Amino acid sequence: MSIFEDRVDAGRQLGRRLAELRGQDTVVLGLPRGGVPVAFEVAAALDAPLDVIIVRKLGLPYQPELAMGAIGEGGVRVLDDQVLTHSRVTEQELQSVEDHERAVLEKRVARFRKGRGREDLTGRIAVIVDDGIATGSTARVACRIARKLGAARVVLAVPVAPADTLAALAEPDELVCLATPRQFTAVGYHYRDFSPTEDDEVLALLDLAAKRLRDSPAASRRAGAAEAADPVESDEEVEIPSRGVRLQGQLHLPVPATAVVLFAHGSGSSRHSPRNRFVASVLQKAGLGTLLLDLLTPGEEHNRANVFDIELLARRLSSATDWLAARTDTASCEVGYFGASTGAGAALWAASEPAARIAAVVSRGGRPDLAGPRLSAVSAPTLMIVGSLDYQVLELNRRAKAMLRCPNQLAVVQGATHLFEEPGTLAAAAILARDWFKRYLMASAEPVPG
């Protein structure tokens, strides 16, 4: 039975439970990959720095999903004696598995630590976060690593775990777990959306967390009374009125801003999507402003019909566009739409309006076909990005392309399925989107081959 909508939901609930740690000298440590989106929300709730603590499970040679132990940074290792006794794994087999996992761990350490220093844990509270616990081997190693790195107090915080596993954990000073289901099948069973988290998403969340901490009021106070330099970018949570409802959004702007990309998705929680955040971070690094937007309210998104109400979604996207035009800092900006899933149909519908001044549209794994006859009225240059293995949606995009009269292109990312979960595919899609928007929204950008 699902307890959490997704890792974002789990992280927010966990953050509320840990609220007493806010204001203390705390570091939040996510276990890559799946633990990092949860830890990101916990770090936000505690206004604390986010880092990773890298651990690898040691799976049985003939049953890799069952852990016989785990390893971590600094040569730390913990073994599950009970599993080893029953499995009769030899020392040689154990060493072979450890050598392989150690090599993977070192590569991952190099990837996640590149360009960013490790948070010093000396004398601090280390809050170790994962998306759930099954056997507990990884959690025990993570706690030992934090202790070895000087943490004065180790808190293990997870959304879900079996009660007997928690009872056997002696390593943390404190355990926080939101749910201990009587029938525990697997961690993912208790999430409605348990999509894989990719390395690129982990890196993007680490960057976003660092930036958020730098820009927070607490960071300004810590910087002292020195006169602040002129800001180069800004972030703010916004509310946008649209016919009786207020849409939630996250607006990022360079200063000064010349172009803004609005993110459209049929889901009501799309502004928290790690995938959307990752793409947004790539666009932001290129100097583009972004508005991550929920086109549905929390109550509306539970009705599946609203996700496919393209006219409603398009109307609200137009309201957000008008809202940008009324702000002094964005009134003169070029505007682009980035649509995913049914949001792509909404983006093209909104872009087809006679009064629309949309400079470019990008669809990722989208349903542009849902804009129907309106496709022929779109004048904004449109890029459709689809995974080569997303067969049905690829065919629907080909049909939509045939109806477009504007400059358009269909880009196929090899090896990608619908959610671009495969390694490197989301990054490839983000780069394609970035180059398209630079070409059509930023006059000073160098031409990109069509």
Protein backbone atom coordinates (compact mmCIF):
# COMPACT_ATOMS: atom_id res chain seq x y z
CA MET A 1 0.00 0.00 0.00
CA SER A 2 1.35 3.45 -0.96
CA ILE A 3 2.13 5.75 1.96
CA PHE A 4 4.02 8.48 0.08
CA GLU A 5 3.28 10.12 -3.27
CA ASP A 6 6.98 10.28 -4.16
CA ARG A 7 10.37 11.06 -2.62
CA VAL A 8 9.56 14.79 -2.47
CA ASP A 9 6.44 14.09 -0.40
CA ALA A 10 8.39 11.73 1.86
CA GLY A 11 11.16 14.28 2.34
CA ARG A 12 8.76 17.03 3.29
CA GLN A 13 7.03 14.87 5.86
CA LEU A 14 10.40 13.82 7.26
CA GLY A 15 11.54 17.44 7.38
CA ARG A 16 8.52 18.36 9.50
CA ARG A 17 9.27 15.53 11.91
CA LEU A 18 12.87 16.76 12.29
CA ALA A 19 11.92 20.42 12.76
CA GLU A 20 13.49 20.58 16.23
CA LEU A 21 16.93 20.35 14.58
CA ARG A 22 16.43 23.62 12.71
CA GLY A 23 18.91 26.21 13.93
CA GLN A 24 21.34 23.60 15.27
CA ASP A 25 24.71 22.80 13.71
CA THR A 26 23.34 20.11 11.40
CA VAL A 27 24.48 18.53 8.13
CA VAL A 28 22.00 16.47 6.09
CA LEU A 29 23.59 13.51 4.30
CA GLY A 30 21.65 11.78 1.53
CA LEU A 31 22.44 8.26 0.36
CA PRO A 32 22.71 8.32 -3.45
CA ARG A 33 20.85 7.91 -5.43
CA GLY A 34 17.27 7.60 -4.13
CA GLY A 35 17.98 9.11 -0.74
CA VAL A 36 19.12 12.45 -2.14
CA PRO A 37 15.70 13.80 -3.30
CA VAL A 38 14.37 12.96 0.18
CA ALA A 39 17.39 14.56 1.86
CA PHE A 40 17.05 17.66 -0.34
CA GLU A 41 13.63 18.39 1.19
CA VAL A 42 14.88 17.65 4.71
CA ALA A 43 17.80 20.06 4.23
CA ALA A 44 15.37 22.72 3.01
CA ALA A 45 13.15 22.26 6.07
CA LEU A 46 16.14 22.51 8.43
CA ASP A 47 17.95 25.27 6.49
CA ALA A 48 20.97 22.97 6.65
CA PRO A 49 23.71 22.07 4.17
CA LEU A 50 23.18 18.98 2.00
CA ASP A 51 25.93 16.47 1.23
CA VAL A 52 26.09 12.83 0.23
CA ILE A 53 27.39 9.85 2.12
CA ILE A 54 28.34 7.21 -0.40
CA VAL A 55 27.72 3.55 0.36
CA ARG A 56 27.52 0.38 -1.77
CA LYS A 57 25.55 -2.73 -0.94
CA LEU A 58 27.36 -6.07 -1.06
CA GLY A 59 24.82 -8.38 -2.68
CA LEU A 60 24.99 -12.16 -2.64
CA PRO A 61 26.77 -13.46 -5.76
CA TYR A 62 23.70 -15.46 -6.84
CA GLN A 63 21.06 -13.06 -5.42
CA PRO A 64 22.44 -9.49 -5.77
CA GLU A 65 19.31 -7.83 -4.40
CA LEU A 66 19.89 -9.48 -0.98
CA ALA A 67 22.57 -7.67 1.00
CA MET A 68 25.22 -9.62 2.87
CA GLY A 69 26.83 -6.34 3.90
CA ALA A 70 27.86 -2.92 2.64
CA ILE A 71 30.93 -0.73 2.19
CA GLY A 72 31.51 3.01 2.34
CA GLU A 73 34.07 5.77 2.00
CA GLY A 74 37.24 5.50 4.03
CA GLY A 75 37.42 1.70 3.80
CA VAL A 76 34.48 1.13 6.16
CA ARG A 77 32.73 -2.26 5.86
CA VAL A 78 29.91 -3.95 7.72
CA LEU A 79 28.79 -7.56 7.22
CA ASP A 80 25.50 -9.29 7.98
CA ASP A 81 26.68 -12.41 9.82
CA GLN A 82 23.26 -14.04 9.68
CA VAL A 83 23.01 -13.75 5.89
CA LEU A 84 26.59 -14.92 5.45
CA THR A 85 26.01 -17.97 7.66
CA HIS A 86 22.88 -19.07 5.84
CA SER A 87 24.24 -18.33 2.35
CA ARG A 88 27.60 -20.08 2.91
CA VAL A 89 29.43 -17.48 0.81
CA THR A 90 33.17 -18.14 0.72
CA GLU A 91 35.78 -15.55 1.65
CA GLN A 92 36.90 -15.49 -1.97
CA GLU A 93 33.36 -14.81 -3.23
CA LEU A 94 32.92 -12.06 -0.64
CA GLN A 95 36.21 -10.45 -1.66
CA SER A 96 35.27 -10.59 -5.34
CA VAL A 97 31.97 -8.81 -4.71
CA GLU A 98 33.65 -6.23 -2.49
CA ASP A 99 36.38 -5.50 -5.06
CA HIS A 100 33.74 -4.88 -7.71
CA GLU A 101 31.59 -2.67 -5.48
CA ARG A 102 34.63 -0.80 -4.18
CA ALA A 103 35.57 0.15 -7.75
CA VAL A 104 32.02 1.40 -8.39
CA LEU A 105 32.05 3.32 -5.10
CA GLU A 106 35.32 5.08 -5.91
CA LYS A 107 33.98 6.16 -9.30
CA ARG A 108 30.85 7.50 -7.67
CA VAL A 109 32.86 9.36 -5.03
CA ALA A 110 34.90 10.99 -7.80
CA ARG A 111 31.73 11.98 -9.65
CA PHE A 112 29.83 13.42 -6.71
CA ARG A 113 32.83 15.11 -5.08
CA LYS A 114 34.19 16.70 -8.27
CA GLY A 115 34.23 20.48 -7.82
CA ARG A 116 32.66 20.38 -4.36
CA GLY A 117 34.29 19.79 -1.00
CA ARG A 118 32.93 17.40 1.59
CA GLU A 119 31.04 19.00 4.47
CA ASP A 120 33.13 18.86 7.65
CA LEU A 121 31.21 16.78 10.19
CA THR A 122 33.52 17.42 13.14
CA GLY A 123 31.45 18.14 16.25
CA ARG A 124 28.21 18.47 14.24
CA ILE A 125 24.89 16.63 14.03
CA ALA A 126 24.85 14.30 11.03
CA VAL A 127 21.35 13.51 9.76
CA ILE A 128 21.60 10.52 7.42
CA VAL A 129 18.65 10.21 5.05
CA ASP A 130 17.57 7.45 2.67
CA ASP A 131 14.28 6.79 0.90
CA GLY A 132 13.77 3.72 3.08
CA ILE A 133 15.47 0.79 4.78
CA ALA A 134 15.12 -2.92 4.04
CA THR A 135 17.95 -4.92 5.64
CA GLY A 136 19.72 -1.96 7.25
CA SER A 137 23.24 -2.85 6.05
CA THR A 138 23.71 0.37 4.10
CA ALA A 139 22.37 2.48 6.94
CA ARG A 140 24.75 0.90 9.44
CA VAL A 141 27.76 1.63 7.23
CA ALA A 142 26.60 5.21 6.63
CA CYS A 143 26.32 5.79 10.39
CA ARG A 144 29.81 4.38 10.96
CA ILE A 145 31.25 6.61 8.24
CA ALA A 146 29.65 9.72 9.75
CA ARG A 147 31.04 8.77 13.17
CA LYS A 148 34.49 8.19 11.69
CA LEU A 149 34.35 11.61 10.05
CA GLY A 150 33.85 13.28 13.43
CA ALA A 151 30.07 13.67 13.83
CA ALA A 152 29.16 14.36 17.46
CA ARG A 153 25.65 12.95 17.02
CA VAL A 154 24.28 10.67 14.30
CA VAL A 155 20.58 10.72 13.43
CA LEU A 156 19.24 8.17 10.95
CA ALA A 157 16.04 9.42 9.31
CA VAL A 158 13.97 7.46 6.80
CA PRO A 159 10.36 7.53 5.61
CA VAL A 160 9.74 3.78 5.86
CA ALA A 161 11.38 0.63 7.27
CA PRO A 162 10.45 -2.70 8.89
CA ALA A 163 10.21 -2.48 12.68
CA ASP A 164 12.48 -5.47 13.31
CA THR A 165 15.26 -3.95 11.20
CA LEU A 166 15.06 -0.68 13.13
CA ALA A 167 15.18 -2.55 16.42
CA ALA A 168 18.46 -4.19 15.39
CA LEU A 169 20.20 -0.90 14.48
CA ALA A 170 22.65 0.12 17.20
CA GLU A 171 24.84 2.51 15.17
CA PRO A 172 22.79 5.77 15.19
CA ASP A 173 22.27 7.85 18.32
CA GLU A 174 18.70 8.51 17.22
CA LEU A 175 16.28 6.87 14.78
CA VAL A 176 13.47 8.72 13.05
CA CYS A 177 11.09 6.70 10.86
CA LEU A 178 7.67 7.85 9.67
CA ALA A 179 6.15 4.44 8.95
CA THR A 180 6.83 0.82 9.96
CA PRO A 181 4.29 -1.23 7.98
CA ARG A 182 3.39 -4.60 9.43
CA GLN A 183 3.74 -6.16 5.99
CA PHE A 184 6.96 -4.82 4.52
CA THR A 185 7.61 -6.11 0.99
CA ALA A 186 10.10 -3.57 -0.38
CA VAL A 187 10.80 0.14 0.02
CA GLY A 188 9.34 1.03 -3.38
CA TYR A 189 6.05 -0.70 -2.57
CA HIS A 190 5.21 2.13 -0.18
CA TYR A 191 5.61 4.90 -2.80
CA ARG A 192 3.11 5.78 -5.49
CA ASP A 193 5.99 7.04 -7.67
CA PHE A 194 9.34 5.31 -7.07
CA SER A 195 11.01 6.22 -10.35
CA PRO A 196 14.80 5.72 -10.40
CA THR A 197 16.99 8.69 -9.51
CA GLU A 198 19.91 9.28 -11.89
CA ASP A 199 23.37 10.64 -11.11
CA ASP A 200 22.61 13.84 -13.05
CA GLU A 201 19.60 14.50 -10.81
CA VAL A 202 21.73 13.96 -7.69
CA LEU A 203 24.30 16.48 -8.93
CA ALA A 204 21.59 19.00 -9.80
CA LEU A 205 19.99 18.70 -6.35
CA LEU A 206 23.35 19.14 -4.63
CA ASP A 207 23.97 22.29 -6.66
CA LEU A 208 20.46 23.61 -5.94
CA ALA A 209 20.83 22.94 -2.22
CA ALA A 210 24.16 24.75 -2.09
CA LYS A 211 22.72 27.71 -3.96
CA ARG A 212 19.63 27.82 -1.76
CA LEU A 213 21.79 27.89 1.36
CA ARG A 214 23.96 30.69 -0.06
CA ASP A 215 20.88 32.76 -0.88
CA SER A 216 19.03 32.17 2.40
CA PRO A 217 18.53 35.00 4.95
CA ALA A 218 20.54 32.97 7.46
CA ALA A 219 23.46 32.91 5.03
CA SER A 220 23.24 36.70 4.73
CA ARG A 221 23.38 37.03 8.50
CA ARG A 222 26.34 34.67 8.65
CA ALA A 223 28.13 36.79 6.07
CA GLY A 224 28.22 39.64 8.61
CA ALA A 225 27.44 43.28 8.20
CA ALA A 226 29.60 43.81 5.12
CA GLU A 227 27.75 45.58 2.32
CA ALA A 228 26.38 43.03 -0.14
CA ALA A 229 27.34 43.11 -3.77
CA ASP A 230 24.66 43.55 -6.42
CA PRO A 231 22.82 40.22 -6.87
CA VAL A 232 23.43 38.26 -10.06
CA GLU A 233 20.32 36.08 -9.77
CA SER A 234 17.23 35.65 -7.64
CA ASP A 235 14.87 32.87 -6.55
CA GLU A 236 11.40 33.24 -5.11
CA GLU A 237 8.29 31.19 -4.40
CA VAL A 238 5.38 32.81 -6.23
CA GLU A 239 1.59 32.54 -6.43
CA ILE A 240 -0.13 33.27 -9.73
CA PRO A 241 -3.88 34.00 -9.91
CA SER A 242 -5.88 32.23 -12.61
CA ARG A 243 -9.69 32.36 -12.60
CA GLY A 244 -10.30 31.76 -8.93
CA VAL A 245 -7.29 29.57 -8.11
CA ARG A 246 -3.73 30.44 -7.16
CA LEU A 247 -1.01 28.50 -8.93
CA GLN A 248 2.21 27.75 -7.05
CA GLY A 249 5.53 28.41 -8.77
CA GLN A 250 9.27 28.75 -8.30
CA LEU A 251 10.74 31.69 -10.22
CA HIS A 252 14.47 31.92 -10.92
CA LEU A 253 15.81 35.02 -12.64
CA PRO A 254 19.26 36.20 -13.64
CA VAL A 255 19.73 39.91 -13.00
CA PRO A 256 18.99 41.47 -15.38
CA ALA A 257 16.65 38.94 -16.99
CA THR A 258 16.23 38.77 -20.77
CA ALA A 259 14.45 35.42 -21.25
CA VAL A 260 12.26 33.12 -19.14
CA VAL A 261 11.19 29.53 -19.77
CA LEU A 262 7.89 28.37 -18.23
CA PHE A 263 7.65 24.66 -17.35
CA ALA A 264 4.29 23.05 -18.12
CA HIS A 265 3.25 19.61 -16.88
CA GLY A 266 -0.14 18.06 -16.29
CA SER A 267 0.83 17.03 -12.75
CA GLY A 268 0.00 19.34 -9.86
CA SER A 269 3.41 18.86 -8.21
CA SER A 270 5.65 19.35 -11.24
CA ARG A 271 7.63 22.22 -9.74
CA HIS A 272 9.12 19.71 -7.26
CA SER A 273 9.99 17.12 -9.91
CA PRO A 274 13.72 16.28 -9.80
CA ARG A 275 13.63 15.91 -13.60
CA ASN A 276 12.16 19.37 -14.12
CA ARG A 277 14.58 20.81 -11.58
CA PHE A 278 17.50 19.21 -13.36
CA VAL A 279 16.48 20.61 -16.76
CA ALA A 280 15.85 24.00 -15.14
CA SER A 281 19.34 24.00 -13.62
CA VAL A 282 20.86 23.40 -17.07
CA LEU A 283 18.88 26.30 -18.51
CA GLN A 284 19.80 28.55 -15.57
CA LYS A 285 23.51 27.89 -16.09
CA ALA A 286 23.03 29.14 -19.66
CA GLY A 287 21.63 32.44 -18.34
CA LEU A 288 17.94 31.69 -18.83
CA GLY A 289 15.28 32.48 -16.26
CA THR A 290 12.89 29.66 -15.32
CA LEU A 291 9.39 29.42 -13.85
CA LEU A 292 8.61 25.95 -12.49
CA LEU A 293 4.85 25.89 -12.29
CA ASP A 294 2.06 23.69 -10.92
CA LEU A 295 -0.82 23.99 -13.38
CA LEU A 296 -3.17 22.05 -11.08
CA THR A 297 -3.89 22.52 -7.40
CA PRO A 298 -3.23 19.58 -5.02
CA GLY A 299 -6.93 18.81 -4.92
CA GLU A 300 -7.34 18.91 -8.69
CA GLU A 301 -4.46 16.61 -9.58
CA HIS A 302 -6.15 13.62 -7.92
CA ASN A 303 -8.79 13.72 -10.68
CA ARG A 304 -7.02 12.07 -13.62
CA ALA A 305 -9.34 13.86 -16.08
CA ASN A 306 -7.78 17.22 -15.14
CA VAL A 307 -4.35 16.00 -16.27
CA PHE A 308 -5.80 15.63 -19.78
CA ASP A 309 -7.86 18.84 -19.75
CA ILE A 310 -5.56 20.56 -22.23
CA GLU A 311 -7.71 23.68 -22.54
CA LEU A 312 -7.65 24.19 -18.76
CA LEU A 313 -3.88 23.65 -18.55
CA ALA A 314 -3.29 25.98 -21.51
CA ARG A 315 -5.48 28.70 -20.00
CA ARG A 316 -3.49 28.59 -16.77
CA LEU A 317 -0.20 28.64 -18.66
CA SER A 318 -1.42 31.77 -20.45
CA SER A 319 -2.31 33.31 -17.07
CA ALA A 320 1.24 32.70 -15.88
CA THR A 321 2.59 34.25 -19.07
CA ASP A 322 0.41 37.35 -18.55
CA TRP A 323 1.60 37.49 -14.93
CA LEU A 324 5.22 37.60 -16.11
CA ALA A 325 4.38 40.36 -18.57
CA ALA A 326 2.95 42.46 -15.72
CA ARG A 327 6.13 42.28 -13.60
CA THR A 328 8.67 45.05 -14.05
CA ASP A 329 11.63 42.62 -13.95
CA THR A 330 10.20 40.26 -16.62
CA ALA A 331 7.97 42.49 -18.76
CA SER A 332 10.53 42.78 -21.54
CA CYS A 333 11.68 39.14 -21.44
CA GLU A 334 11.41 36.71 -24.30
CA VAL A 335 9.23 33.79 -23.18
CA GLY A 336 9.57 30.09 -23.97
CA TYR A 337 7.57 27.02 -22.94
CA PHE A 338 9.02 23.68 -21.84
CA GLY A 339 6.29 21.03 -21.82
CA ALA A 340 6.43 17.46 -20.53
CA SER A 341 3.73 14.81 -20.87
CA THR A 342 0.31 16.47 -21.31
CA GLY A 343 1.98 19.80 -20.53
CA ALA A 344 3.44 19.75 -24.05
CA GLY A 345 -0.06 19.77 -25.53
CA ALA A 346 -0.99 22.63 -23.20
CA ALA A 347 2.14 24.59 -24.16
CA LEU A 348 1.37 24.32 -27.89
CA TRP A 349 -2.30 25.13 -27.31
CA ALA A 350 -1.34 28.28 -25.39
CA ALA A 351 1.32 29.19 -27.97
CA SER A 352 -1.32 28.99 -30.73
CA GLU A 353 -3.43 31.80 -29.23
CA PRO A 354 -3.54 34.86 -31.54
CA ALA A 355 -2.23 37.18 -28.82
CA ALA A 356 0.51 34.79 -27.65
CA ARG A 357 4.06 36.09 -27.88
CA ILE A 358 5.94 32.86 -27.34
CA ALA A 359 9.42 32.75 -28.85
CA ALA A 360 10.11 28.99 -28.60
CA VAL A 361 8.56 25.72 -27.39
CA VAL A 362 10.29 22.50 -26.31
CA SER A 363 8.50 19.23 -25.59
CA ARG A 364 10.21 16.39 -23.66
CA GLY A 365 8.51 13.03 -23.81
CA GLY A 366 5.40 15.09 -24.42
CA ARG A 367 2.01 14.75 -26.04
CA PRO A 368 1.94 17.60 -28.59
CA ASP A 369 -0.76 15.66 -30.44
CA LEU A 370 -3.19 16.66 -27.67
CA ALA A 371 -3.18 20.23 -29.02
CA GLY A 372 -5.08 18.79 -32.01
CA PRO A 373 -6.01 21.20 -34.82
CA ARG A 374 -4.35 24.05 -32.95
CA LEU A 375 -0.94 22.72 -33.97
CA SER A 376 -1.19 24.35 -37.40
CA ALA A 377 -1.68 27.77 -35.74
CA VAL A 378 1.55 27.61 -33.70
CA SER A 379 4.17 30.05 -34.96
CA ALA A 380 6.82 29.57 -32.24
CA PRO A 381 9.79 27.38 -33.29
CA THR A 382 9.12 24.00 -31.70
CA LEU A 383 11.49 21.19 -30.69
CA MET A 384 10.08 17.78 -29.77
CA ILE A 385 12.41 15.50 -27.79
CA VAL A 386 11.43 11.83 -27.53
CA GLY A 387 13.21 8.68 -26.39
CA SER A 388 13.95 6.11 -29.07
CA LEU A 389 12.38 3.39 -26.90
CA ASP A 390 9.20 5.38 -26.20
CA TYR A 391 7.58 3.85 -29.28
CA GLN A 392 3.97 5.00 -28.93
CA VAL A 393 4.80 8.58 -27.95
CA LEU A 394 7.43 8.76 -30.71
CA GLU A 395 4.77 7.91 -33.29
CA LEU A 396 2.38 10.50 -31.82
CA ASN A 397 5.13 13.14 -32.05
CA ARG A 398 5.76 12.24 -35.69
CA ARG A 399 2.08 12.79 -36.45
CA ALA A 400 2.11 16.10 -34.56
CA LYS A 401 5.21 17.22 -36.48
CA ALA A 402 3.35 16.71 -39.75
CA MET A 403 0.68 19.17 -38.59
CA LEU A 404 3.06 21.94 -37.51
CA ARG A 405 3.65 24.88 -39.87
CA CYS A 406 6.25 26.63 -37.71
CA PRO A 407 10.00 25.90 -37.76
CA ASN A 408 10.20 22.56 -35.98
CA GLN A 409 12.43 19.60 -35.26
CA LEU A 410 12.02 16.11 -33.83
CA ALA A 411 15.05 15.02 -31.77
CA VAL A 412 15.26 11.34 -30.80
CA VAL A 413 17.43 10.47 -27.78
CA GLN A 414 18.82 7.00 -28.34
CA GLY A 415 18.24 4.43 -25.59
CA ALA A 416 15.73 6.57 -23.69
CA THR A 417 12.31 5.43 -22.52
CA HIS A 418 9.41 7.72 -21.64
CA LEU A 419 10.81 9.16 -18.39
CA PHE A 420 14.44 9.44 -19.61
CA GLU A 421 15.57 7.32 -16.65
CA GLU A 422 18.51 5.73 -18.48
CA PRO A 423 21.99 7.09 -17.64
CA GLY A 424 22.82 10.26 -19.56
CA THR A 425 19.51 10.50 -21.42
CA LEU A 426 17.98 13.25 -19.28
CA ALA A 427 21.18 15.27 -19.61
CA ALA A 428 21.04 14.82 -23.39
CA ALA A 429 17.45 16.09 -23.44
CA ALA A 430 18.35 19.07 -21.24
CA ILE A 431 21.22 20.06 -23.53
CA LEU A 432 18.96 19.87 -26.58
CA ALA A 433 16.42 22.09 -24.82
CA ARG A 434 19.09 24.53 -23.67
CA ASP A 435 20.49 24.96 -27.19
CA TRP A 436 17.02 25.45 -28.69
CA PHE A 437 16.11 28.12 -26.18
CA LYS A 438 19.47 29.86 -26.54
CA ARG A 439 18.94 29.95 -30.29
CA TYR A 440 15.46 31.46 -30.18
CA LEU A 441 15.29 33.36 -26.87
CA MET A 442 18.75 34.85 -26.53
CA ALA A 443 19.70 37.18 -29.35
CA SER A 444 23.39 37.09 -28.42
CA ALA A 445 23.58 33.28 -28.46
CA GLU A 446 25.65 31.68 -31.17
CA PRO A 447 23.61 29.96 -33.87
CA VAL A 448 22.82 26.32 -33.24
CA PRO A 449 22.66 24.00 -36.25
CA GLY A 450 19.06 23.20 -37.16
